[in-house]
N, C-alpha and C. Protein backbone atom coordinates (compact mmCIF):
# COMPACT_ATOMS: atom_id res chain seq x y z
N UNK A 1 110.01 165.12 10.33
CA UNK A 1 108.86 166.06 10.83
C UNK A 1 107.67 166.25 10.43
N UNK A 2 106.63 166.21 11.63
CA UNK A 2 105.08 166.06 11.15
C UNK A 2 104.98 167.62 10.82
N UNK A 3 104.04 167.44 9.89
CA UNK A 3 103.60 168.72 9.68
C UNK A 3 102.48 169.26 10.54
N UNK A 4 102.72 170.58 10.82
CA UNK A 4 101.61 171.32 11.82
C UNK A 4 100.49 171.65 11.20
N UNK A 5 99.44 171.65 12.01
CA UNK A 5 98.08 172.46 11.52
C UNK A 5 98.32 173.97 11.47
N UNK A 6 97.35 174.68 10.91
CA UNK A 6 97.32 176.22 10.86
C UNK A 6 95.92 176.79 11.34
N UNK A 7 96.51 177.53 12.45
CA UNK A 7 95.37 178.35 12.93
C UNK A 7 95.66 179.91 12.88
N UNK A 8 94.23 180.48 12.57
CA UNK A 8 94.33 182.04 12.03
C UNK A 8 93.46 182.36 13.58
N UNK A 9 93.80 183.43 13.99
CA UNK A 9 93.26 184.12 14.91
C UNK A 9 91.87 185.06 14.46
N UNK A 10 91.15 185.42 14.92
CA UNK A 10 89.98 186.23 14.35
C UNK A 10 90.58 187.36 13.68
N UNK A 11 91.24 188.05 14.43
CA UNK A 11 92.08 189.30 13.66
C UNK A 11 92.80 188.81 12.41
N UNK A 12 93.21 187.89 12.52
CA UNK A 12 94.49 187.56 11.34
C UNK A 12 93.14 187.22 9.98
N UNK A 13 91.98 186.57 10.32
CA UNK A 13 91.52 186.01 9.08
C UNK A 13 90.64 187.67 8.94
N UNK A 14 90.19 188.57 9.83
CA UNK A 14 89.79 189.61 9.47
C UNK A 14 90.65 190.59 8.34
N UNK A 15 91.99 190.33 8.92
CA UNK A 15 92.91 190.80 8.18
C UNK A 15 93.06 190.65 6.32
N UNK A 16 92.96 189.03 6.53
CA UNK A 16 92.87 188.50 5.16
C UNK A 16 91.82 188.85 4.25
N UNK A 17 90.76 188.98 5.04
CA UNK A 17 89.36 190.06 4.53
C UNK A 17 89.59 191.11 3.78
N UNK A 18 90.06 191.80 4.67
CA UNK A 18 90.60 193.14 4.37
C UNK A 18 91.35 193.59 3.27
N UNK A 19 92.46 192.31 3.42
CA UNK A 19 93.50 192.77 2.39
C UNK A 19 92.88 192.36 0.77
N UNK A 20 92.14 191.27 0.82
CA UNK A 20 91.47 190.71 -0.48
C UNK A 20 90.38 192.07 -1.00
N UNK A 21 89.57 192.44 -0.21
CA UNK A 21 88.98 193.84 -0.34
C UNK A 21 89.44 194.63 -0.87
N UNK A 22 90.51 195.11 -0.16
CA UNK A 22 91.39 196.47 -0.75
C UNK A 22 91.98 196.01 -2.20
N UNK A 23 92.47 195.06 -2.39
CA UNK A 23 93.18 194.72 -3.93
C UNK A 23 91.85 194.34 -4.71
N UNK A 24 90.95 193.72 -4.21
CA UNK A 24 90.00 193.15 -5.35
C UNK A 24 88.92 194.29 -5.91
N UNK A 25 89.13 195.49 -4.70
CA UNK A 25 88.58 196.46 -5.52
C UNK A 25 88.77 197.14 -6.73
N UNK A 26 90.06 196.99 -6.89
CA UNK A 26 90.25 197.52 -8.42
C UNK A 26 90.76 196.26 -9.31
N UNK A 27 91.39 195.00 -8.88
CA UNK A 27 91.44 194.03 -9.49
C UNK A 27 91.30 192.62 -8.73
N UNK A 28 89.85 191.99 -9.17
CA UNK A 28 89.51 190.83 -8.31
C UNK A 28 90.66 189.74 -8.58
N UNK A 29 91.24 189.39 -9.86
CA UNK A 29 92.05 188.41 -9.74
C UNK A 29 93.40 188.63 -8.98
N UNK A 30 93.94 189.93 -8.85
CA UNK A 30 94.93 190.12 -8.26
C UNK A 30 94.69 189.94 -6.85
N UNK A 31 93.33 190.19 -6.49
CA UNK A 31 92.82 189.89 -5.10
C UNK A 31 93.49 188.54 -4.55
N UNK A 32 92.90 187.37 -5.31
CA UNK A 32 92.55 186.24 -5.37
C UNK A 32 94.27 185.81 -5.41
N UNK A 33 95.15 186.32 -6.10
CA UNK A 33 96.49 185.80 -5.97
C UNK A 33 97.29 186.26 -4.84
N UNK A 34 97.14 187.53 -4.24
CA UNK A 34 97.59 188.01 -3.29
C UNK A 34 97.15 187.05 -1.96
N UNK A 35 96.01 186.84 -1.72
CA UNK A 35 95.67 185.90 -0.84
C UNK A 35 96.14 184.32 -0.89
N UNK A 36 96.27 184.15 -2.15
CA UNK A 36 96.70 182.86 -2.32
C UNK A 36 98.21 182.66 -2.31
N UNK A 37 98.90 183.80 -2.18
CA UNK A 37 100.27 183.62 -2.01
C UNK A 37 100.95 183.71 -0.39
N UNK A 38 99.64 184.61 0.30
CA UNK A 38 99.86 184.51 1.61
C UNK A 38 99.54 183.31 2.42
N UNK A 39 98.75 182.42 2.10
CA UNK A 39 98.20 181.15 2.37
C UNK A 39 99.43 180.06 2.17
N UNK A 40 99.92 180.48 0.87
CA UNK A 40 100.97 179.56 0.49
C UNK A 40 101.94 179.36 1.58
N UNK A 41 102.41 180.71 1.77
CA UNK A 41 103.44 180.96 2.84
C UNK A 41 103.36 180.63 3.94
N UNK A 42 102.10 180.56 4.46
CA UNK A 42 101.54 180.10 5.67
C UNK A 42 101.62 178.82 5.63
N UNK A 43 101.19 178.10 4.68
CA UNK A 43 101.35 176.67 4.67
C UNK A 43 102.69 176.09 4.79
N UNK A 44 103.62 176.81 4.23
CA UNK A 44 105.22 176.87 4.12
C UNK A 44 105.80 176.59 5.61
N UNK A 45 105.21 177.70 6.26
CA UNK A 45 105.70 178.07 7.74
C UNK A 45 105.07 176.48 8.38
N UNK A 46 104.21 176.24 8.36
CA UNK A 46 103.76 175.03 9.00
C UNK A 46 104.42 173.83 8.47
N UNK A 47 105.03 173.59 7.48
CA UNK A 47 105.73 172.47 6.99
C UNK A 47 107.06 172.52 7.52
N UNK A 48 107.78 173.85 7.65
CA UNK A 48 109.19 173.82 7.82
C UNK A 48 109.24 174.08 9.38
N UNK A 49 108.69 174.58 10.29
CA UNK A 49 108.35 174.65 11.67
C UNK A 49 109.09 176.14 11.86
N UNK A 50 110.16 176.27 12.68
CA UNK A 50 110.47 177.39 13.07
C UNK A 50 111.47 178.18 12.31
N UNK A 51 110.59 179.39 11.70
CA UNK A 51 111.25 180.10 10.47
C UNK A 51 110.68 181.64 10.75
N UNK A 52 111.39 182.25 10.25
CA UNK A 52 110.77 183.82 10.22
C UNK A 52 111.98 184.51 11.57
N UNK A 53 111.59 185.90 11.26
CA UNK A 53 112.48 186.78 12.28
C UNK A 53 111.49 186.86 13.73
N UNK A 54 112.65 186.41 14.81
CA UNK A 54 111.78 186.97 16.07
C UNK A 54 111.32 188.31 16.25
N UNK A 55 110.16 188.58 16.95
CA UNK A 55 109.62 189.66 17.56
C UNK A 55 109.34 189.50 19.08
N UNK A 56 110.11 188.83 19.50
CA UNK A 56 110.18 188.70 21.01
C UNK A 56 110.10 190.00 21.85
N UNK A 57 110.53 190.93 21.19
CA UNK A 57 110.31 192.60 21.99
C UNK A 57 109.10 192.91 22.02
N UNK A 58 108.16 192.25 21.18
CA UNK A 58 106.73 192.72 20.97
C UNK A 58 105.94 191.80 21.98
N UNK A 59 105.92 190.27 21.59
CA UNK A 59 105.50 189.23 22.47
C UNK A 59 106.34 188.35 22.49
N UNK A 60 106.16 187.34 23.90
CA UNK A 60 106.93 186.40 23.76
C UNK A 60 106.39 185.38 22.90
N UNK A 61 107.54 184.58 22.29
CA UNK A 61 107.28 183.75 21.03
C UNK A 61 106.86 183.93 19.91
N UNK A 62 106.68 185.40 19.74
CA UNK A 62 106.19 185.87 18.35
C UNK A 62 107.44 185.86 17.35
N UNK A 63 106.56 185.63 15.99
CA UNK A 63 107.68 185.58 14.96
C UNK A 63 107.12 186.11 13.63
N UNK A 64 107.89 186.52 12.85
CA UNK A 64 107.28 187.41 11.22
C UNK A 64 108.02 186.94 10.32
N UNK A 65 107.46 186.92 9.12
CA UNK A 65 107.86 186.54 7.86
C UNK A 65 107.11 187.41 7.02
N UNK A 66 108.01 187.90 5.91
CA UNK A 66 107.39 188.67 5.02
C UNK A 66 106.72 188.04 3.88
N UNK A 67 105.77 188.52 3.33
CA UNK A 67 105.14 187.67 2.05
C UNK A 67 104.97 188.97 1.11
N UNK A 68 105.73 189.20 0.18
CA UNK A 68 105.81 190.74 -0.68
C UNK A 68 105.54 191.72 0.20
N UNK A 69 104.26 192.37 0.24
CA UNK A 69 103.97 193.84 0.94
C UNK A 69 103.70 193.66 2.32
N UNK A 70 103.28 192.43 2.75
CA UNK A 70 102.58 192.05 3.91
C UNK A 70 103.67 191.33 5.09
N UNK A 71 103.28 191.37 6.10
CA UNK A 71 103.88 190.56 7.30
C UNK A 71 102.91 189.94 7.82
N UNK A 72 103.46 188.50 8.20
CA UNK A 72 102.59 187.55 8.74
C UNK A 72 103.41 187.54 10.16
N UNK A 73 102.37 187.92 11.31
CA UNK A 73 102.82 187.40 12.59
C UNK A 73 102.36 186.19 13.14
N UNK A 74 103.13 185.23 13.82
CA UNK A 74 102.91 183.87 14.32
C UNK A 74 103.36 183.30 15.39
N UNK A 75 102.79 182.34 16.08
CA UNK A 75 103.83 181.55 16.91
C UNK A 75 103.61 180.14 16.42
N UNK A 76 104.60 179.57 16.69
CA UNK A 76 104.86 178.03 16.23
C UNK A 76 105.01 177.03 17.82
N UNK A 77 103.96 176.30 17.54
CA UNK A 77 104.03 175.18 18.94
C UNK A 77 104.36 173.75 18.15
N UNK A 78 104.17 172.86 18.79
CA UNK A 78 104.50 171.52 18.50
C UNK A 78 103.65 170.93 17.42
N UNK A 79 102.35 171.42 17.55
CA UNK A 79 101.05 171.05 16.83
C UNK A 79 100.66 171.75 15.68
N UNK A 80 100.86 173.33 16.24
CA UNK A 80 100.16 174.35 15.13
C UNK A 80 101.11 175.54 14.77
N UNK A 81 100.84 176.29 13.62
CA UNK A 81 101.27 177.53 13.32
C UNK A 81 99.83 178.29 13.86
N UNK A 82 100.05 179.21 14.65
CA UNK A 82 99.18 180.23 15.08
C UNK A 82 99.32 181.55 14.71
N UNK A 83 98.52 181.98 13.40
CA UNK A 83 98.94 183.30 12.76
C UNK A 83 98.00 184.28 13.81
N UNK A 84 98.55 185.10 14.12
CA UNK A 84 97.78 186.26 14.81
C UNK A 84 97.43 187.41 14.14
N UNK A 85 98.25 188.03 13.08
CA UNK A 85 98.00 189.06 12.57
C UNK A 85 98.82 189.13 10.92
N UNK A 86 97.82 189.63 10.20
CA UNK A 86 98.64 189.79 8.64
C UNK A 86 98.38 191.13 8.42
N UNK A 87 99.64 191.91 8.19
CA UNK A 87 99.61 193.44 8.24
C UNK A 87 100.11 193.69 6.99
N UNK A 88 100.12 194.70 6.48
CA UNK A 88 101.07 195.94 5.40
C UNK A 88 102.37 196.02 6.18
N UNK A 89 103.14 195.95 5.16
CA UNK A 89 104.45 196.13 5.94
C UNK A 89 104.58 197.87 6.68
N UNK A 90 103.73 198.65 5.70
CA UNK A 90 103.94 200.04 6.08
C UNK A 90 103.02 200.52 7.57
N UNK A 91 102.14 199.39 7.83
CA UNK A 91 101.61 199.93 8.87
C UNK A 91 102.37 199.96 10.29
N UNK A 92 101.93 201.03 10.94
CA UNK A 92 102.90 201.30 12.43
C UNK A 92 102.17 199.74 13.51
N UNK A 93 102.91 199.19 13.78
CA UNK A 93 102.67 198.22 14.92
C UNK A 93 103.23 198.30 16.18
N UNK A 94 102.23 197.74 17.05
CA UNK A 94 102.99 197.85 18.53
C UNK A 94 102.41 196.41 19.42
N UNK A 95 102.93 195.90 20.40
CA UNK A 95 102.43 195.03 21.15
C UNK A 95 100.75 195.06 21.40
N UNK A 96 100.22 196.29 21.11
CA UNK A 96 98.89 196.40 21.63
C UNK A 96 98.13 195.70 20.31
N UNK A 97 98.70 195.60 19.02
CA UNK A 97 98.11 194.87 18.09
C UNK A 97 97.88 193.13 18.12
N UNK A 98 98.81 192.81 19.41
CA UNK A 98 98.63 191.24 19.74
C UNK A 98 97.97 190.86 21.13
N UNK A 99 96.72 191.14 21.08
CA UNK A 99 95.88 191.26 22.65
C UNK A 99 96.22 189.89 22.86
N UNK A 100 96.52 189.89 24.40
CA UNK A 100 96.62 188.35 24.99
C UNK A 100 95.69 187.42 25.02
N UNK A 101 94.34 187.99 24.69
CA UNK A 101 93.18 187.15 24.34
C UNK A 101 93.55 186.04 23.07
N UNK A 102 94.21 186.64 22.18
CA UNK A 102 94.48 185.72 21.16
C UNK A 102 95.86 185.45 20.81
N UNK A 103 96.85 185.31 21.91
CA UNK A 103 98.12 184.86 21.86
C UNK A 103 98.15 183.80 22.70
């Protein structure tokens, strides 16, 4: 199987920045480790293909995988894994968190 590329939506990139800023505020090394763990999991998704839990009830083709306290929401195509959002597991979410312009 060919390895897929990874693309992050603008909101997913902003989510990563916010996660780092929040954790690094008290411990910059921990902030780096959290981001490294999330990005490693995203690369693993790209390598493995269709994985995670379906979230079809929110958006067509939407999948989710947990990375410690965070949830990575993504879509898989033949050539890419497109990460839509990266949110804390305790955040309330709905289909409104995944605008059509980014999906």
